[in-house]
């Protein structure tokens, strides 16, 4: 038996009793991302409203990973399949479409989050495969993903487009998480330049980061993929996070 044999990954719709436990995971998300408005308002409702688009991994009785995706209608006027305001835009669209009774035409991943203790064991590949299968069961032929490159925070001042041009000698992307997606069959499509936005007072940012935020201009914040813009005159700072749209082909499996 291998280490991964003890891990069970299932569609959340088959294990709804785990919904209250999805956030027991010891994750590595930066604190400031929890203050993104769309996430605060809607993300916790995704597994409740769209359990068939979500997957959960357990190791015995422990929840060790979660994967969320949502369906949305990409063909309305003013919309595009992969919007520049990637992550939070598709999250809002999913709920707007559900309330309006619109049939979805696309599905987008929102997150694959692993417990820190289960990193580096190949679980991310398995979770991505499970999320692709989940959207395929709903009749979709692709899983879109506004991906957050895991090593980009080490170089926040490098433009995302330049960062994505970096490859290893074997031809695969230099970034580890983008590489997982490409190895799994995904295609890098475009940058989502304003995928997530977090704004707050300077007191908010000092509390979230422990940094002084006492000078105007760009501030490098641990965990941020781009600098945070500080305005001392108006007492606020704003973080606009770029992500990367990746498309995964999926085999529809309805019926």
Protein backbone atom coordinates (compact mmCIF):
# COMPACT_ATOMS: atom_id res chain seq x y z
CA UNK A 1 0.00 0.00 0.00
CA UNK A 2 1.34 3.40 -0.95
CA UNK A 3 0.95 6.55 1.10
CA UNK A 4 -1.78 7.83 -1.22
CA UNK A 5 -3.85 4.65 -0.97
CA UNK A 6 -5.21 5.85 2.36
CA UNK A 7 -6.58 9.04 0.78
CA UNK A 8 -10.12 8.96 -0.55
CA UNK A 9 -11.31 11.65 -3.00
CA UNK A 10 -15.04 11.92 -3.66
CA UNK A 11 -17.53 14.40 -5.11
CA UNK A 12 -18.84 16.53 -2.28
CA UNK A 13 -22.40 15.79 -3.38
CA UNK A 14 -21.80 12.20 -2.23
CA UNK A 15 -20.52 13.28 1.19
CA UNK A 16 -22.50 16.39 2.17
CA UNK A 17 -21.85 15.74 5.86
CA UNK A 18 -18.28 16.96 5.25
CA UNK A 19 -19.34 20.45 4.16
CA UNK A 20 -19.01 21.94 7.69
CA UNK A 21 -15.48 20.47 7.92
CA UNK A 22 -13.99 21.75 4.66
CA UNK A 23 -12.14 24.57 6.40
CA UNK A 24 -10.48 22.38 9.00
CA UNK A 25 -7.53 22.20 6.58
CA UNK A 26 -4.31 23.85 7.72
CA UNK A 27 -3.74 25.84 4.53
CA UNK A 28 -1.11 28.30 3.36
CA UNK A 29 -3.30 31.09 1.98
CA UNK A 30 -2.00 34.59 2.93
CA UNK A 31 -4.17 36.25 5.57
CA UNK A 32 -5.06 39.22 3.38
CA UNK A 33 -6.75 36.97 0.76
CA UNK A 34 -9.45 36.17 3.30
CA UNK A 35 -10.58 39.80 3.03
CA UNK A 36 -11.39 39.66 -0.68
CA UNK A 37 -15.06 40.84 -0.91
CA UNK A 38 -16.36 38.17 -3.29
CA UNK A 39 -14.70 35.43 -1.28
CA UNK A 40 -16.09 36.79 1.97
CA UNK A 41 -19.60 36.95 0.59
CA UNK A 42 -19.85 33.84 -1.55
CA UNK A 43 -17.03 31.30 -1.32
CA UNK A 44 -18.33 29.50 1.76
CA UNK A 45 -21.64 28.97 -0.06
CA UNK A 46 -20.07 27.26 -3.07
CA UNK A 47 -20.06 23.76 -1.53
CA UNK A 48 -23.65 24.27 -0.38
CA UNK A 49 -24.98 25.57 -3.70
CA UNK A 50 -22.74 23.58 -6.06
CA UNK A 51 -21.68 20.37 -4.28
CA UNK A 52 -21.66 18.44 -7.55
CA UNK A 53 -18.90 20.78 -8.76
CA UNK A 54 -16.75 20.26 -5.64
CA UNK A 55 -14.53 17.42 -4.41
CA UNK A 56 -13.11 16.53 -1.00
CA UNK A 57 -10.19 14.37 0.07
CA UNK A 58 -10.04 12.52 3.38
CA UNK A 59 -7.30 10.53 5.04
CA UNK A 60 -9.16 8.35 7.49
CA UNK A 61 -11.39 10.77 9.38
CA UNK A 62 -9.38 13.88 8.47
CA UNK A 63 -10.28 16.27 5.67
CA UNK A 64 -6.95 16.90 3.91
CA UNK A 65 -7.92 18.70 0.68
CA UNK A 66 -10.82 20.49 -0.97
CA UNK A 67 -11.48 21.44 -4.57
CA UNK A 68 -14.15 23.94 -5.63
CA UNK A 69 -15.48 24.83 -9.06
CA UNK A 70 -18.61 26.63 -10.26
CA UNK A 71 -20.72 26.71 -13.42
CA UNK A 72 -21.58 29.95 -15.18
CA UNK A 73 -23.08 31.30 -18.41
CA UNK A 74 -20.30 32.68 -20.58
CA UNK A 75 -22.37 33.76 -23.58
CA UNK A 76 -24.34 36.69 -22.23
CA UNK A 77 -23.68 40.17 -23.60
CA UNK A 78 -20.74 41.75 -21.79
CA UNK A 79 -19.28 38.42 -20.68
CA UNK A 80 -16.40 36.33 -21.91
CA UNK A 81 -15.39 32.79 -21.10
CA UNK A 82 -12.14 33.86 -19.43
CA UNK A 83 -12.65 37.38 -18.06
CA UNK A 84 -9.79 39.68 -17.10
CA UNK A 85 -11.35 39.89 -13.63
CA UNK A 86 -10.98 36.15 -13.43
CA UNK A 87 -11.49 34.53 -10.06
CA UNK A 88 -13.95 36.87 -8.42
CA UNK A 89 -15.81 37.57 -11.67
CA UNK A 90 -16.72 33.92 -12.37
CA UNK A 91 -17.60 33.42 -8.70
CA UNK A 92 -20.12 36.29 -8.84
CA UNK A 93 -21.46 35.15 -12.23
CA UNK A 94 -22.10 31.64 -10.89
CA UNK A 95 -24.40 32.94 -8.18
CA UNK A 96 -26.07 35.49 -10.45
CA UNK A 97 -26.84 32.74 -12.95
CA UNK A 98 -28.11 30.35 -10.31
CA UNK A 99 -30.52 32.98 -9.00
CA UNK A 100 -31.67 33.87 -12.53
CA UNK A 101 -32.17 30.23 -13.52
CA UNK A 102 -29.69 30.40 -16.40
CA UNK A 103 -28.24 27.15 -17.74
CA UNK A 104 -24.43 27.18 -17.49
CA UNK A 105 -22.22 27.02 -20.56
CA UNK A 106 -18.84 26.81 -18.79
CA UNK A 107 -17.24 25.68 -15.55
CA UNK A 108 -14.36 27.29 -13.70
CA UNK A 109 -12.19 26.02 -10.88
CA UNK A 110 -11.93 28.31 -7.87
CA UNK A 111 -9.43 26.55 -5.66
CA UNK A 112 -7.63 23.35 -4.88
CA UNK A 113 -6.39 23.61 -1.32
CA UNK A 114 -4.27 20.96 0.38
CA UNK A 115 -3.43 20.60 4.04
CA UNK A 116 0.17 21.70 4.54
CA UNK A 117 1.05 18.27 5.89
CA UNK A 118 -0.01 16.66 2.60
CA UNK A 119 1.98 18.86 0.22
CA UNK A 120 4.54 17.24 -2.04
CA UNK A 121 2.81 13.84 -2.18
CA UNK A 122 1.14 14.06 -5.57
CA UNK A 123 -2.25 14.87 -4.10
CA UNK A 124 -2.59 18.06 -6.15
CA UNK A 125 -2.59 16.01 -9.38
CA UNK A 126 -5.28 13.71 -8.01
CA UNK A 127 -7.44 16.61 -6.85
CA UNK A 128 -7.17 18.31 -10.24
CA UNK A 129 -8.16 15.08 -11.97
CA UNK A 130 -11.13 14.68 -9.61
CA UNK A 131 -12.29 18.25 -10.28
CA UNK A 132 -12.09 17.64 -14.03
CA UNK A 133 -14.16 14.50 -13.64
CA UNK A 134 -16.71 16.38 -11.54
CA UNK A 135 -17.36 19.01 -14.22
CA UNK A 136 -17.39 16.32 -16.89
CA UNK A 137 -20.21 14.57 -15.05
CA UNK A 138 -22.17 17.81 -15.33
CA UNK A 139 -21.81 17.77 -19.12
CA UNK A 140 -18.97 20.26 -19.58
CA UNK A 141 -16.22 19.73 -22.13
CA UNK A 142 -13.65 21.91 -20.37
CA UNK A 143 -12.56 23.00 -16.92
CA UNK A 144 -11.28 26.56 -16.90
CA UNK A 145 -9.00 27.65 -14.08
CA UNK A 146 -7.79 31.11 -12.99
CA UNK A 147 -4.58 29.71 -11.54
CA UNK A 148 -2.53 31.36 -8.79
CA UNK A 149 1.12 30.47 -9.58
CA UNK A 150 2.63 29.23 -6.34
CA UNK A 151 6.14 30.68 -6.77
CA UNK A 152 5.16 34.06 -8.21
CA UNK A 153 5.12 35.65 -4.74
CA UNK A 154 8.91 35.32 -4.72
CA UNK A 155 9.07 37.88 -7.55
CA UNK A 156 6.11 40.19 -7.08
CA UNK A 157 7.51 42.96 -9.32
CA UNK A 158 7.93 40.74 -12.37
CA UNK A 159 4.92 41.14 -14.71
CA UNK A 160 2.88 37.95 -14.90
CA UNK A 161 3.26 37.74 -18.68
CA UNK A 162 7.05 37.77 -18.31
CA UNK A 163 6.90 35.25 -15.48
CA UNK A 164 4.92 32.82 -17.65
CA UNK A 165 7.60 32.90 -20.34
CA UNK A 166 9.97 31.03 -18.06
CA UNK A 167 10.42 27.33 -18.79
CA UNK A 168 12.61 24.56 -17.52
CA UNK A 169 15.05 22.65 -19.73
CA UNK A 170 12.42 19.96 -20.26
CA UNK A 171 10.05 22.53 -21.80
CA UNK A 172 7.64 22.65 -18.88
CA UNK A 173 6.70 25.89 -17.06
CA UNK A 174 9.08 26.99 -14.33
CA UNK A 175 6.27 27.65 -11.86
CA UNK A 176 5.37 24.48 -9.90
CA UNK A 177 1.58 24.89 -9.88
CA UNK A 178 1.34 25.99 -13.50
CA UNK A 179 3.52 22.97 -14.30
CA UNK A 180 1.05 20.64 -12.54
CA UNK A 181 -1.75 21.99 -14.72
CA UNK A 182 0.25 21.68 -17.95
CA UNK A 183 1.39 18.15 -17.11
CA UNK A 184 -2.26 17.28 -16.52
CA UNK A 185 -3.13 18.41 -20.04
CA UNK A 186 -3.99 22.04 -19.45
CA UNK A 187 -3.17 24.86 -21.85
CA UNK A 188 -2.11 28.31 -20.67
CA UNK A 189 -4.51 30.73 -22.40
CA UNK A 190 -4.03 34.25 -21.02
CA UNK A 191 -3.30 36.40 -17.99
CA UNK A 192 -6.21 37.52 -15.83
CA UNK A 193 -4.68 40.86 -14.76
CA UNK A 194 -7.29 41.73 -12.12
CA UNK A 195 -8.39 38.32 -10.89
CA UNK A 196 -8.75 39.24 -7.22
CA UNK A 197 -8.85 42.62 -5.46
CA UNK A 198 -8.36 43.33 -1.76
CA UNK A 199 -8.72 46.89 -0.46
CA UNK A 200 -8.47 48.18 3.08
CA UNK A 201 -7.39 51.02 5.28
CA UNK A 202 -3.73 51.27 6.21
CA UNK A 203 -4.67 50.05 9.69
CA UNK A 204 -6.25 46.98 8.07
CA UNK A 205 -3.12 46.21 6.10
CA UNK A 206 -0.88 46.73 9.13
CA UNK A 207 -3.02 44.26 11.04
CA UNK A 208 -3.07 41.71 8.22
CA UNK A 209 0.65 41.85 7.42
CA UNK A 210 2.56 43.39 10.33
CA UNK A 211 4.13 45.87 7.89
CA UNK A 212 4.20 49.65 8.57
CA UNK A 213 2.43 50.87 5.39
CA UNK A 214 3.75 54.35 6.06
CA UNK A 215 5.04 55.30 2.59
CA UNK A 216 3.27 55.93 -0.70
CA UNK A 217 3.83 53.55 -3.56
CA UNK A 218 4.33 49.85 -4.13
CA UNK A 219 4.77 47.64 -1.08
CA UNK A 220 6.04 44.06 -1.32
CA UNK A 221 3.91 41.88 0.95
CA UNK A 222 4.80 38.26 1.78
CA UNK A 223 2.53 35.96 -0.18
CA UNK A 224 1.37 38.63 -2.66
CA UNK A 225 1.89 37.98 -6.37
CA UNK A 226 2.18 41.70 -7.12
CA UNK A 227 2.95 44.78 -5.02
CA UNK A 228 0.24 46.33 -2.86
CA UNK A 229 -0.37 49.99 -3.71
CA UNK A 230 -0.25 52.24 -0.65
CA UNK A 231 -1.78 55.75 -0.51
CA UNK A 232 -1.06 57.45 2.79
CA UNK A 233 -2.91 60.64 1.84
CA UNK A 234 -6.17 58.77 1.41
CA UNK A 235 -5.44 56.14 4.08
CA UNK A 236 -5.90 53.04 1.98
CA UNK A 237 -3.99 50.30 0.19
CA UNK A 238 -5.16 48.11 -2.67
CA UNK A 239 -3.92 44.75 -3.88
CA UNK A 240 -4.83 43.60 -7.40
CA UNK A 241 -3.78 40.02 -8.02
CA UNK A 242 -3.04 38.64 -11.47
CA UNK A 243 -3.85 35.01 -12.18
CA UNK A 244 -3.38 32.77 -15.21
CA UNK A 245 -6.25 31.27 -17.20
CA UNK A 246 -5.65 27.61 -18.02
CA UNK A 247 -8.02 25.42 -20.02
CA UNK A 248 -8.37 21.69 -19.38
CA UNK A 249 -10.22 19.57 -21.92
CA UNK A 250 -12.80 17.34 -20.25
CA UNK A 251 -14.79 14.35 -21.47
CA UNK A 252 -18.49 15.01 -20.80
CA UNK A 253 -20.06 12.08 -18.93
CA UNK A 254 -23.72 12.89 -18.47
CA UNK A 255 -26.34 10.21 -18.10
